[in-house]
């Protein structure tokens, strides 16, 4: 069974940094698009950053210039370097991946990021 294992969430002060990691386990396939989503309190889940298998990226306007998504295809892993964090970045962050087998997309369990002022 495909599992997306996340790490790196935590508590940080405004202006601080965190690095999230997500590793796909229990699979022999290479993932295609992977992404980070987040869900803040009282808000809908939103796309934070997305990266293709070959490194093409896009970001939510709210995080451009502050967050960087990257991937390691050998490990089927993605990372999210978050700098200059703001209180509004507080959310549960979810890893997302697409692969060749049904159901073709997968979600991580979510990791809490709290930016406290």
PDB file of N, CA and C in Angstrom:
ATOM      1  N   UNK A   1       0.839  -1.180   0.000  1.00  0.00           N
ATOM      2  CA  UNK A   1       0.000   0.000   0.000  1.00  0.00           C
ATOM      3  C   UNK A   1       0.882   1.241   0.000  1.00  0.00           C
ATOM      4  N   UNK A   2       0.520   2.213  -0.799  1.00  0.00           N
ATOM      5  CA  UNK A   2       1.283   3.441  -0.886  1.00  0.00           C
ATOM      6  C   UNK A   2       1.047   4.283   0.356  1.00  0.00           C
ATOM      7  N   UNK A   3       2.140   4.769   0.915  1.00  0.00           N
ATOM      8  CA  UNK A   3       2.074   5.634   2.082  1.00  0.00           C
ATOM      9  C   UNK A   3       2.905   6.885   1.817  1.00  0.00           C
ATOM     10  N   UNK A   4       2.382   8.019   2.226  1.00  0.00           N
ATOM     11  CA  UNK A   4       3.111   9.271   2.160  1.00  0.00           C
ATOM     12  C   UNK A   4       3.443   9.674   3.586  1.00  0.00           C
ATOM     13  N   UNK A   5       4.722   9.648   3.916  1.00  0.00           N
ATOM     14  CA  UNK A   5       5.170   9.901   5.277  1.00  0.00           C
ATOM     15  C   UNK A   5       5.778  11.295   5.355  1.00  0.00           C
ATOM     16  N   UNK A   6       5.178  12.134   6.165  1.00  0.00           N
ATOM     17  CA  UNK A   6       5.585  13.526   6.282  1.00  0.00           C
ATOM     18  C   UNK A   6       6.345  13.769   7.579  1.00  0.00           C
ATOM     19  N   UNK A   7       7.178  14.790   7.550  1.00  0.00           N
ATOM     20  CA  UNK A   7       7.887  15.213   8.747  1.00  0.00           C
ATOM     21  C   UNK A   7       8.290  16.671   8.594  1.00  0.00           C
ATOM     22  N   UNK A   8       8.653  17.295   9.695  1.00  0.00           N
ATOM     23  CA  UNK A   8       9.196  18.639   9.663  1.00  0.00           C
ATOM     24  C   UNK A   8       8.292  19.736  10.178  1.00  0.00           C
ATOM     25  N   UNK A   9       7.042  19.424  10.437  1.00  0.00           N
ATOM     26  CA  UNK A   9       6.145  20.434  10.964  1.00  0.00           C
ATOM     27  C   UNK A   9       6.500  20.789  12.394  1.00  0.00           C
ATOM     28  N   UNK A  10       5.942  21.895  12.858  1.00  0.00           N
ATOM     29  CA  UNK A  10       6.211  22.316  14.212  1.00  0.00           C
ATOM     30  C   UNK A  10       5.800  23.741  14.463  1.00  0.00           C
ATOM     31  N   UNK A  11       6.313  24.276  15.556  1.00  0.00           N
ATOM     32  CA  UNK A  11       6.019  25.639  15.987  1.00  0.00           C
ATOM     33  C   UNK A  11       7.208  26.537  15.686  1.00  0.00           C
ATOM     34  N   UNK A  12       6.930  27.689  15.097  1.00  0.00           N
ATOM     35  CA  UNK A  12       7.991  28.630  14.752  1.00  0.00           C
ATOM     36  C   UNK A  12       7.464  30.052  14.904  1.00  0.00           C
ATOM     37  N   UNK A  13       8.356  30.969  15.198  1.00  0.00           N
ATOM     38  CA  UNK A  13       7.979  32.374  15.308  1.00  0.00           C
ATOM     39  C   UNK A  13       7.877  33.019  13.932  1.00  0.00           C
ATOM     40  N   UNK A  14       7.095  34.074  13.813  1.00  0.00           N
ATOM     41  CA  UNK A  14       7.042  34.792  12.535  1.00  0.00           C
ATOM     42  C   UNK A  14       8.438  35.175  12.062  1.00  0.00           C
ATOM     43  N   UNK A  15       8.673  35.005  10.768  1.00  0.00           N
ATOM     44  CA  UNK A  15       9.980  35.260  10.199  1.00  0.00           C
ATOM     45  C   UNK A  15      10.905  34.069  10.217  1.00  0.00           C
ATOM     46  N   UNK A  16      10.517  33.026  10.899  1.00  0.00           N
ATOM     47  CA  UNK A  16      11.329  31.831  10.988  1.00  0.00           C
ATOM     48  C   UNK A  16      11.163  30.920   9.790  1.00  0.00           C
ATOM     49  N   UNK A  17      11.816  29.767   9.870  1.00  0.00           N
ATOM     50  CA  UNK A  17      11.828  28.822   8.762  1.00  0.00           C
ATOM     51  C   UNK A  17      11.541  27.409   9.238  1.00  0.00           C
ATOM     52  N   UNK A  18      10.956  26.629   8.355  1.00  0.00           N
ATOM     53  CA  UNK A  18      10.756  25.209   8.555  1.00  0.00           C
ATOM     54  C   UNK A  18      10.972  24.503   7.227  1.00  0.00           C
ATOM     55  N   UNK A  19      11.325  23.237   7.306  1.00  0.00           N
ATOM     56  CA  UNK A  19      11.472  22.422   6.105  1.00  0.00           C
ATOM     57  C   UNK A  19      10.645  21.149   6.267  1.00  0.00           C
ATOM     58  N   UNK A  20       9.671  20.983   5.398  1.00  0.00           N
ATOM     59  CA  UNK A  20       8.824  19.807   5.409  1.00  0.00           C
ATOM     60  C   UNK A  20       9.359  18.762   4.442  1.00  0.00           C
ATOM     61  N   UNK A  21       9.211  17.508   4.820  1.00  0.00           N
ATOM     62  CA  UNK A  21       9.623  16.395   3.971  1.00  0.00           C
ATOM     63  C   UNK A  21       8.459  15.429   3.807  1.00  0.00           C
ATOM     64  N   UNK A  22       8.397  14.798   2.653  1.00  0.00           N
ATOM     65  CA  UNK A  22       7.387  13.785   2.377  1.00  0.00           C
ATOM     66  C   UNK A  22       8.030  12.690   1.546  1.00  0.00           C
ATOM     67  N   UNK A  23       7.987  11.472   2.051  1.00  0.00           N
ATOM     68  CA  UNK A  23       8.572  10.332   1.367  1.00  0.00           C
ATOM     69  C   UNK A  23       7.479   9.321   1.037  1.00  0.00           C
ATOM     70  N   UNK A  24       7.435   8.899  -0.210  1.00  0.00           N
ATOM     71  CA  UNK A  24       6.491   7.878  -0.643  1.00  0.00           C
ATOM     72  C   UNK A  24       7.087   6.510  -0.363  1.00  0.00           C
ATOM     73  N   UNK A  25       6.385   5.697   0.403  1.00  0.00           N
ATOM     74  CA  UNK A  25       6.843   4.361   0.741  1.00  0.00           C
ATOM     75  C   UNK A  25       5.838   3.313   0.285  1.00  0.00           C
ATOM     76  N   UNK A  26       6.282   2.052   0.270  1.00  0.00           N
ATOM     77  CA  UNK A  26       5.398   0.958  -0.096  1.00  0.00           C
ATOM     78  C   UNK A  26       5.020   0.918  -1.561  1.00  0.00           C
ATOM     79  N   UNK A  27       5.877   1.466  -2.404  1.00  0.00           N
ATOM     80  CA  UNK A  27       5.588   1.536  -3.828  1.00  0.00           C
ATOM     81  C   UNK A  27       6.857   1.333  -4.641  1.00  0.00           C
ATOM     82  N   UNK A  28       6.690   0.729  -5.808  1.00  0.00           N
ATOM     83  CA  UNK A  28       7.803   0.545  -6.726  1.00  0.00           C
ATOM     84  C   UNK A  28       7.730   1.471  -7.932  1.00  0.00           C
ATOM     85  N   UNK A  29       6.722   2.303  -7.968  1.00  0.00           N
ATOM     86  CA  UNK A  29       6.559   3.176  -9.115  1.00  0.00           C
ATOM     87  C   UNK A  29       7.164   4.549  -8.859  1.00  0.00           C
ATOM     88  N   UNK A  30       7.438   5.237  -9.933  1.00  0.00           N
ATOM     89  CA  UNK A  30       7.910   6.610  -9.860  1.00  0.00           C
ATOM     90  C   UNK A  30       6.707   7.538  -9.924  1.00  0.00           C
ATOM     91  N   UNK A  31       6.653   8.459  -8.998  1.00  0.00           N
ATOM     92  CA  UNK A  31       5.531   9.388  -8.964  1.00  0.00           C
ATOM     93  C   UNK A  31       5.649  10.418 -10.069  1.00  0.00           C
ATOM     94  N   UNK A  32       4.522  10.941 -10.432  1.00  0.00           N
ATOM     95  CA  UNK A  32       4.486  12.020 -11.413  1.00  0.00           C
ATOM     96  C   UNK A  32       4.451  13.345 -10.657  1.00  0.00           C
ATOM     97  N   UNK A  33       3.368  14.071 -10.771  1.00  0.00           N
ATOM     98  CA  UNK A  33       3.254  15.315 -10.029  1.00  0.00           C
ATOM     99  C   UNK A  33       3.136  15.045  -8.527  1.00  0.00           C
ATOM    100  N   UNK A  34       3.844  15.824  -7.748  1.00  0.00           N
ATOM    101  CA  UNK A  34       3.677  15.832  -6.303  1.00  0.00           C
ATOM    102  C   UNK A  34       3.464  17.269  -5.864  1.00  0.00           C
ATOM    103  N   UNK A  35       2.862  17.426  -4.705  1.00  0.00           N
ATOM    104  CA  UNK A  35       2.489  18.770  -4.284  1.00  0.00           C
ATOM    105  C   UNK A  35       2.332  18.849  -2.778  1.00  0.00           C
ATOM    106  N   UNK A  36       2.332  20.070  -2.294  1.00  0.00           N
ATOM    107  CA  UNK A  36       1.956  20.386  -0.928  1.00  0.00           C
ATOM    108  C   UNK A  36       0.680  21.204  -0.941  1.00  0.00           C
ATOM    109  N   UNK A  37      -0.273  20.772  -0.155  1.00  0.00           N
ATOM    110  CA  UNK A  37      -1.493  21.516   0.094  1.00  0.00           C
ATOM    111  C   UNK A  37      -1.529  21.895   1.564  1.00  0.00           C
ATOM    112  N   UNK A  38      -2.396  22.824   1.895  1.00  0.00           N
ATOM    113  CA  UNK A  38      -2.578  23.160   3.297  1.00  0.00           C
ATOM    114  C   UNK A  38      -4.026  23.535   3.566  1.00  0.00           C
ATOM    115  N   UNK A  39      -4.415  23.346   4.815  1.00  0.00           N
ATOM    116  CA  UNK A  39      -5.740  23.730   5.245  1.00  0.00           C
ATOM    117  C   UNK A  39      -5.622  24.500   6.546  1.00  0.00           C
ATOM    118  N   UNK A  40      -5.908  25.782   6.468  1.00  0.00           N
ATOM    119  CA  UNK A  40      -5.880  26.644   7.633  1.00  0.00           C
ATOM    120  C   UNK A  40      -7.229  26.582   8.339  1.00  0.00           C
ATOM    121  N   UNK A  41      -7.264  26.936   9.619  1.00  0.00           N
ATOM    122  CA  UNK A  41      -8.543  26.954  10.332  1.00  0.00           C
ATOM    123  C   UNK A  41      -9.567  27.825   9.625  1.00  0.00           C
ATOM    124  N   UNK A  42     -10.754  27.302   9.482  1.00  0.00           N
ATOM    125  CA  UNK A  42     -11.871  28.023   8.885  1.00  0.00           C
ATOM    126  C   UNK A  42     -11.678  28.321   7.403  1.00  0.00           C
ATOM    127  N   UNK A  43     -10.745  27.631   6.764  1.00  0.00           N
ATOM    128  CA  UNK A  43     -10.516  27.833   5.343  1.00  0.00           C
ATOM    129  C   UNK A  43     -10.530  26.498   4.599  1.00  0.00           C
ATOM    130  N   UNK A  44     -10.709  26.578   3.298  1.00  0.00           N
ATOM    131  CA  UNK A  44     -10.663  25.389   2.458  1.00  0.00           C
ATOM    132  C   UNK A  44      -9.220  24.973   2.205  1.00  0.00           C
ATOM    133  N   UNK A  45      -9.045  23.717   1.873  1.00  0.00           N
ATOM    134  CA  UNK A  45      -7.728  23.241   1.497  1.00  0.00           C
ATOM    135  C   UNK A  45      -7.281  23.944   0.220  1.00  0.00           C
ATOM    136  N   UNK A  46      -6.024  24.372   0.195  1.00  0.00           N
ATOM    137  CA  UNK A  46      -5.510  25.077  -0.958  1.00  0.00           C
ATOM    138  C   UNK A  46      -4.158  24.514  -1.380  1.00  0.00           C
ATOM    139  N   UNK A  47      -3.870  24.647  -2.656  1.00  0.00           N
ATOM    140  CA  UNK A  47      -2.577  24.256  -3.182  1.00  0.00           C
ATOM    141  C   UNK A  47      -1.522  25.268  -2.753  1.00  0.00           C
ATOM    142  N   UNK A  48      -0.436  24.780  -2.190  1.00  0.00           N
ATOM    143  CA  UNK A  48       0.680  25.625  -1.793  1.00  0.00           C
ATOM    144  C   UNK A  48       1.754  25.635  -2.868  1.00  0.00           C
ATOM    145  N   UNK A  49       2.184  24.457  -3.274  1.00  0.00           N
ATOM    146  CA  UNK A  49       3.246  24.329  -4.264  1.00  0.00           C
ATOM    147  C   UNK A  49       3.132  22.978  -4.945  1.00  0.00           C
ATOM    148  N   UNK A  50       3.511  22.945  -6.206  1.00  0.00           N
ATOM    149  CA  UNK A  50       3.416  21.720  -6.989  1.00  0.00           C
ATOM    150  C   UNK A  50       4.693  21.546  -7.796  1.00  0.00           C
ATOM    151  N   UNK A  51       5.094  20.296  -7.985  1.00  0.00           N
ATOM    152  CA  UNK A  51       6.295  20.011  -8.757  1.00  0.00           C
ATOM    153  C   UNK A  51       6.078  18.762  -9.593  1.00  0.00           C
ATOM    154  N   UNK A  52       6.466  18.820 -10.856  1.00  0.00           N
ATOM    155  CA  UNK A  52       6.350  17.668 -11.733  1.00  0.00           C
ATOM    156  C   UNK A  52       7.537  16.738 -11.533  1.00  0.00           C
ATOM    157  N   UNK A  53       7.473  15.594 -12.189  1.00  0.00           N
ATOM    158  CA  UNK A  53       8.556  14.623 -12.108  1.00  0.00           C
ATOM    159  C   UNK A  53       9.875  15.218 -12.580  1.00  0.00           C
ATOM    160  N   UNK A  54       9.785  16.164 -13.505  1.00  0.00           N
ATOM    161  CA  UNK A  54      10.985  16.726 -14.106  1.00  0.00           C
ATOM    162  C   UNK A  54      11.362  18.089 -13.549  1.00  0.00           C
ATOM    163  N   UNK A  55      10.691  18.504 -12.490  1.00  0.00           N
ATOM    164  CA  UNK A  55      11.127  19.677 -11.776  1.00  0.00           C
ATOM    165  C   UNK A  55      10.403  20.969 -12.062  1.00  0.00           C
ATOM    166  N   UNK A  56       9.409  20.944 -12.911  1.00  0.00           N
ATOM    167  CA  UNK A  56       8.627  22.153 -13.148  1.00  0.00           C
ATOM    168  C   UNK A  56       7.773  22.452 -11.923  1.00  0.00           C
ATOM    169  N   UNK A  57       7.741  23.707 -11.513  1.00  0.00           N
ATOM    170  CA  UNK A  57       7.063  24.076 -10.272  1.00  0.00           C
ATOM    171  C   UNK A  57       6.058  25.195 -10.475  1.00  0.00           C
ATOM    172  N   UNK A  58       5.113  25.265  -9.571  1.00  0.00           N
ATOM    173  CA  UNK A  58       4.272  26.436  -9.442  1.00  0.00           C
ATOM    174  C   UNK A  58       3.872  26.592  -7.983  1.00  0.00           C
ATOM    175  N   UNK A  59       3.505  27.830  -7.621  1.00  0.00           N
ATOM    176  CA  UNK A  59       3.255  28.183  -6.239  1.00  0.00           C
ATOM    177  C   UNK A  59       2.004  29.023  -6.111  1.00  0.00           C
ATOM    178  N   UNK A  60       1.393  28.933  -4.963  1.00  0.00           N
ATOM    179  CA  UNK A  60       0.348  29.878  -4.628  1.00  0.00           C
ATOM    180  C   UNK A  60       0.948  31.269  -4.519  1.00  0.00           C
ATOM    181  N   UNK A  61       0.187  32.267  -4.931  1.00  0.00           N
ATOM    182  CA  UNK A  61       0.692  33.636  -4.875  1.00  0.00           C
ATOM    183  C   UNK A  61       1.125  34.032  -3.463  1.00  0.00           C
ATOM    184  N   UNK A  62       0.444  33.516  -2.473  1.00  0.00           N
ATOM    185  CA  UNK A  62       0.714  33.895  -1.098  1.00  0.00           C
ATOM    186  C   UNK A  62       2.063  33.413  -0.580  1.00  0.00           C
ATOM    187  N   UNK A  63       2.678  32.443  -1.260  1.00  0.00           N
ATOM    188  CA  UNK A  63       3.944  31.894  -0.782  1.00  0.00           C
ATOM    189  C   UNK A  63       5.097  32.122  -1.748  1.00  0.00           C
ATOM    190  N   UNK A  64       4.840  32.691  -2.898  1.00  0.00           N
ATOM    191  CA  UNK A  64       5.902  32.930  -3.867  1.00  0.00           C
ATOM    192  C   UNK A  64       7.001  33.792  -3.268  1.00  0.00           C
ATOM    193  N   UNK A  65       8.229  33.375  -3.500  1.00  0.00           N
ATOM    194  CA  UNK A  65       9.371  34.098  -2.981  1.00  0.00           C
ATOM    195  C   UNK A  65       9.752  33.708  -1.577  1.00  0.00           C
ATOM    196  N   UNK A  66       8.893  32.963  -0.894  1.00  0.00           N
ATOM    197  CA  UNK A  66       9.170  32.538   0.473  1.00  0.00           C
ATOM    198  C   UNK A  66       9.344  31.030   0.595  1.00  0.00           C
ATOM    199  N   UNK A  67       8.566  30.275  -0.178  1.00  0.00           N
ATOM    200  CA  UNK A  67       8.606  28.818  -0.122  1.00  0.00           C
ATOM    201  C   UNK A  67       9.279  28.263  -1.370  1.00  0.00           C
ATOM    202  N   UNK A  68       9.958  27.142  -1.219  1.00  0.00           N
ATOM    203  CA  UNK A  68      10.573  26.453  -2.333  1.00  0.00           C
ATOM    204  C   UNK A  68      10.272  24.963  -2.247  1.00  0.00           C
ATOM    205  N   UNK A  69       9.690  24.423  -3.305  1.00  0.00           N
ATOM    206  CA  UNK A  69       9.435  22.991  -3.368  1.00  0.00           C
ATOM    207  C   UNK A  69      10.531  22.325  -4.190  1.00  0.00           C
ATOM    208  N   UNK A  70      10.934  21.145  -3.773  1.00  0.00           N
ATOM    209  CA  UNK A  70      11.931  20.378  -4.501  1.00  0.00           C
ATOM    210  C   UNK A  70      11.604  18.898  -4.372  1.00  0.00           C
ATOM    211  N   UNK A  71      12.285  18.071  -5.168  1.00  0.00           N
ATOM    212  CA  UNK A  71      12.022  16.639  -5.099  1.00  0.00           C
ATOM    213  C   UNK A  71      13.274  15.823  -5.351  1.00  0.00           C
ATOM    214  N   UNK A  72      13.232  14.601  -4.874  1.00  0.00           N
ATOM    215  CA  UNK A  72      14.272  13.618  -5.096  1.00  0.00           C
ATOM    216  C   UNK A  72      13.585  12.411  -5.712  1.00  0.00           C
ATOM    217  N   UNK A  73      13.769  12.217  -7.005  1.00  0.00           N
ATOM    218  CA  UNK A  73      13.054  11.154  -7.709  1.00  0.00           C
ATOM    219  C   UNK A  73      13.493   9.760  -7.274  1.00  0.00           C
ATOM    220  N   UNK A  74      14.737   9.623  -6.855  1.00  0.00           N
ATOM    221  CA  UNK A  74      15.219   8.342  -6.375  1.00  0.00           C
ATOM    222  C   UNK A  74      14.465   7.896  -5.131  1.00  0.00           C
ATOM    223  N   UNK A  75      14.172   8.839  -4.266  1.00  0.00           N
ATOM    224  CA  UNK A  75      13.477   8.558  -3.021  1.00  0.00           C
ATOM    225  C   UNK A  75      11.971   8.735  -3.120  1.00  0.00           C
ATOM    226  N   UNK A  76      11.496   9.201  -4.274  1.00  0.00           N
ATOM    227  CA  UNK A  76      10.095   9.571  -4.397  1.00  0.00           C
ATOM    228  C   UNK A  76       9.697  10.479  -3.230  1.00  0.00           C
ATOM    229  N   UNK A  77      10.485  11.498  -3.058  1.00  0.00           N
ATOM    230  CA  UNK A  77      10.293  12.416  -1.944  1.00  0.00           C
ATOM    231  C   UNK A  77      10.201  13.850  -2.438  1.00  0.00           C
ATOM    232  N   UNK A  78       9.473  14.656  -1.695  1.00  0.00           N
ATOM    233  CA  UNK A  78       9.437  16.084  -1.950  1.00  0.00           C
ATOM    234  C   UNK A  78       9.703  16.827  -0.651  1.00  0.00           C
ATOM    235  N   UNK A  79      10.093  18.086  -0.810  1.00  0.00           N
ATOM    236  CA  UNK A  79      10.441  18.910   0.321  1.00  0.00           C
ATOM    237  C   UNK A  79       9.826  20.286   0.125  1.00  0.00           C
ATOM    238  N   UNK A  80       9.567  20.951   1.206  1.00  0.00           N
ATOM    239  CA  UNK A  80       9.069  22.311   1.149  1.00  0.00           C
ATOM    240  C   UNK A  80       9.865  23.147   2.138  1.00  0.00           C
ATOM    241  N   UNK A  81      10.746  23.980   1.604  1.00  0.00           N
ATOM    242  CA  UNK A  81      11.490  24.913   2.423  1.00  0.00           C
ATOM    243  C   UNK A  81      10.644  26.162   2.595  1.00  0.00           C
ATOM    244  N   UNK A  82      10.312  26.479   3.823  1.00  0.00           N
ATOM    245  CA  UNK A  82       9.443  27.602   4.126  1.00  0.00           C
ATOM    246  C   UNK A  82      10.231  28.642   4.903  1.00  0.00           C
ATOM    247  N   UNK A  83      10.410  29.790   4.300  1.00  0.00           N
ATOM    248  CA  UNK A  83      11.126  30.895   4.923  1.00  0.00           C
ATOM    249  C   UNK A  83      10.186  32.071   5.147  1.00  0.00           C
ATOM    250  N   UNK A  84      10.619  32.985   5.984  1.00  0.00           N
ATOM    251  CA  UNK A  84       9.845  34.194   6.270  1.00  0.00           C
ATOM    252  C   UNK A  84       8.397  33.860   6.604  1.00  0.00           C
ATOM    253  N   UNK A  85       8.228  32.914   7.486  1.00  0.00           N
ATOM    254  CA  UNK A  85       6.892  32.429   7.810  1.00  0.00           C
ATOM    255  C   UNK A  85       6.053  33.508   8.482  1.00  0.00           C
ATOM    256  N   UNK A  86       4.778  33.480   8.160  1.00  0.00           N
ATOM    257  CA  UNK A  86       3.809  34.428   8.687  1.00  0.00           C
ATOM    258  C   UNK A  86       2.734  33.688   9.462  1.00  0.00           C
ATOM    259  N   UNK A  87       2.064  34.372  10.382  1.00  0.00           N
ATOM    260  CA  UNK A  87       0.978  33.710  11.111  1.00  0.00           C
ATOM    261  C   UNK A  87      -0.071  33.100  10.194  1.00  0.00           C
ATOM    262  N   UNK A  88      -0.333  33.726   9.062  1.00  0.00           N
ATOM    263  CA  UNK A  88      -1.323  33.195   8.139  1.00  0.00           C
ATOM    264  C   UNK A  88      -0.878  31.921   7.431  1.00  0.00           C
ATOM    265  N   UNK A  89       0.377  31.530   7.600  1.00  0.00           N
ATOM    266  CA  UNK A  89       0.844  30.249   7.092  1.00  0.00           C
ATOM    267  C   UNK A  89       0.461  29.096   8.007  1.00  0.00           C
ATOM    268  N   UNK A  90      -0.051  29.409   9.179  1.00  0.00           N
ATOM    269  CA  UNK A  90      -0.473  28.378  10.110  1.00  0.00           C
ATOM    270  C   UNK A  90      -1.552  27.508   9.477  1.00  0.00           C
ATOM    271  N   UNK A  91      -1.303  26.207   9.428  1.00  0.00           N
ATOM    272  CA  UNK A  91      -2.224  25.289   8.773  1.00  0.00           C
ATOM    273  C   UNK A  91      -1.725  23.868   8.957  1.00  0.00           C
ATOM    274  N   UNK A  92      -2.576  22.925   8.615  1.00  0.00           N
ATOM    275  CA  UNK A  92      -2.141  21.550   8.441  1.00  0.00           C
ATOM    276  C   UNK A  92      -1.687  21.399   7.000  1.00  0.00           C
ATOM    277  N   UNK A  93      -0.470  20.945   6.814  1.00  0.00           N
ATOM    278  CA  UNK A  93       0.099  20.792   5.485  1.00  0.00           C
ATOM    279  C   UNK A  93       0.040  19.330   5.069  1.00  0.00           C
ATOM    280  N   UNK A  94      -0.424  19.093   3.843  1.00  0.00           N
ATOM    281  CA  UNK A  94      -0.623  17.752   3.326  1.00  0.00           C
ATOM    282  C   UNK A  94       0.231  17.500   2.096  1.00  0.00           C
ATOM    283  N   UNK A  95       0.881  16.369   2.074  1.00  0.00           N
ATOM    284  CA  UNK A  95       1.613  15.926   0.900  1.00  0.00           C
ATOM    285  C   UNK A  95       0.661  15.216  -0.057  1.00  0.00           C
ATOM    286  N   UNK A  96       0.888  15.404  -1.344  1.00  0.00           N
ATOM    287  CA  UNK A  96       0.058  14.826  -2.389  1.00  0.00           C
ATOM    288  C   UNK A  96       0.951  14.246  -3.469  1.00  0.00           C
ATOM    289  N   UNK A  97       0.547  13.103  -4.004  1.00  0.00           N
ATOM    290  CA  UNK A  97       1.323  12.481  -5.063  1.00  0.00           C
ATOM    291  C   UNK A  97       0.416  11.795  -6.063  1.00  0.00           C
ATOM    292  N   UNK A  98       0.863  11.768  -7.300  1.00  0.00           N
ATOM    293  CA  UNK A  98       0.172  11.046  -8.366  1.00  0.00           C
ATOM    294  C   UNK A  98       1.068   9.929  -8.873  1.00  0.00           C
ATOM    295  N   UNK A  99       0.466   8.777  -9.141  1.00  0.00           N
ATOM    296  CA  UNK A  99       1.203   7.633  -9.633  1.00  0.00           C
ATOM    297  C   UNK A  99       0.447   6.870 -10.691  1.00  0.00           C
ATOM    298  N   UNK A 100       1.047   5.795 -11.212  1.00  0.00           N
ATOM    299  CA  UNK A 100       0.456   5.061 -12.337  1.00  0.00           C
ATOM    300  C   UNK A 100      -0.626   4.058 -11.962  1.00  0.00           C
ATOM    301  N   UNK A 101      -0.807   3.774 -10.685  1.00  0.00           N
ATOM    302  CA  UNK A 101      -1.793   2.785 -10.270  1.00  0.00           C
ATOM    303  C   UNK A 101      -2.975   3.429  -9.575  1.00  0.00           C
ATOM    304  N   UNK A 102      -4.115   2.763  -9.711  1.00  0.00           N
ATOM    305  CA  UNK A 102      -5.315   3.214  -9.035  1.00  0.00           C
ATOM    306  C   UNK A 102      -5.073   3.278  -7.531  1.00  0.00           C
ATOM    307  N   UNK A 103      -5.550   4.323  -6.847  1.00  0.00           N
ATOM    308  CA  UNK A 103      -6.439   5.397  -7.306  1.00  0.00           C
ATOM    309  C   UNK A 103      -5.762   6.548  -8.024  1.00  0.00           C
ATOM    310  N   UNK A 104      -4.459   6.407  -8.315  1.00  0.00           N
ATOM    311  CA  UNK A 104      -3.687   7.365  -9.103  1.00  0.00           C
ATOM    312  C   UNK A 104      -3.289   8.629  -8.343  1.00  0.00           C
ATOM    313  N   UNK A 105      -3.858   8.863  -7.191  1.00  0.00           N
ATOM    314  CA  UNK A 105      -3.443   9.980  -6.369  1.00  0.00           C
ATOM    315  C   UNK A 105      -3.500   9.570  -4.911  1.00  0.00           C
ATOM    316  N   UNK A 106      -2.655  10.191  -4.090  1.00  0.00           N
ATOM    317  CA  UNK A 106      -2.501   9.794  -2.695  1.00  0.00           C
ATOM    318  C   UNK A 106      -2.274  11.027  -1.833  1.00  0.00           C
ATOM    319  N   UNK A 107      -2.677  10.916  -0.592  1.00  0.00           N
ATOM    320  CA  UNK A 107      -2.530  11.998   0.368  1.00  0.00           C
ATOM    321  C   UNK A 107      -1.754  11.545   1.585  1.00  0.00           C
ATOM    322  N   UNK A 108      -0.949  12.439   2.108  1.00  0.00           N
ATOM    323  CA  UNK A 108      -0.303  12.204   3.381  1.00  0.00           C
ATOM    324  C   UNK A 108      -1.258  12.462   4.528  1.00  0.00           C
ATOM    325  N   UNK A 109      -0.786  12.194   5.733  1.00  0.00           N
ATOM    326  CA  UNK A 109      -1.641  12.309   6.914  1.00  0.00           C
ATOM    327  C   UNK A 109      -1.796  13.749   7.393  1.00  0.00           C
ATOM    328  N   UNK A 110      -0.936  14.616   6.932  1.00  0.00           N
ATOM    329  CA  UNK A 110      -0.949  16.003   7.358  1.00  0.00           C
ATOM    330  C   UNK A 110       0.012  16.255   8.496  1.00  0.00           C
ATOM    331  N   UNK A 111       0.650  17.409   8.470  1.00  0.00           N
ATOM    332  CA  UNK A 111       1.547  17.811   9.540  1.00  0.00           C
ATOM    333  C   UNK A 111       1.263  19.267   9.900  1.00  0.00           C
ATOM    334  N   UNK A 112       1.204  19.532  11.183  1.00  0.00           N
ATOM    335  CA  UNK A 112       0.818  20.853  11.665  1.00  0.00           C
ATOM    336  C   UNK A 112       1.996  21.821  11.609  1.00  0.00           C
ATOM    337  N   UNK A 113       1.753  22.970  11.018  1.00  0.00           N
ATOM    338  CA  UNK A 113       2.695  24.083  11.049  1.00  0.00           C
ATOM    339  C   UNK A 113       2.009  25.238  11.768  1.00  0.00           C
ATOM    340  N   UNK A 114       2.629  25.704  12.837  1.00  0.00           N
ATOM    341  CA  UNK A 114       2.072  26.804  13.606  1.00  0.00           C
ATOM    342  C   UNK A 114       3.079  27.938  13.666  1.00  0.00           C
ATOM    343  N   UNK A 115       2.673  29.099  13.195  1.00  0.00           N
ATOM    344  CA  UNK A 115       3.501  30.296  13.236  1.00  0.00           C
ATOM    345  C   UNK A 115       2.884  31.228  14.263  1.00  0.00           C
ATOM    346  N   UNK A 116       3.560  31.384  15.359  1.00  0.00           N
ATOM    347  CA  UNK A 116       3.006  32.099  16.506  1.00  0.00           C
ATOM    348  C   UNK A 116       3.661  33.460  16.678  1.00  0.00           C
ATOM    349  N   UNK A 117       2.827  34.473  16.848  1.00  0.00           N
ATOM    350  CA  UNK A 117       3.305  35.825  17.090  1.00  0.00           C
ATOM    351  C   UNK A 117       3.184  36.208  18.556  1.00  0.00           C
TER     352      UNK A 117
END
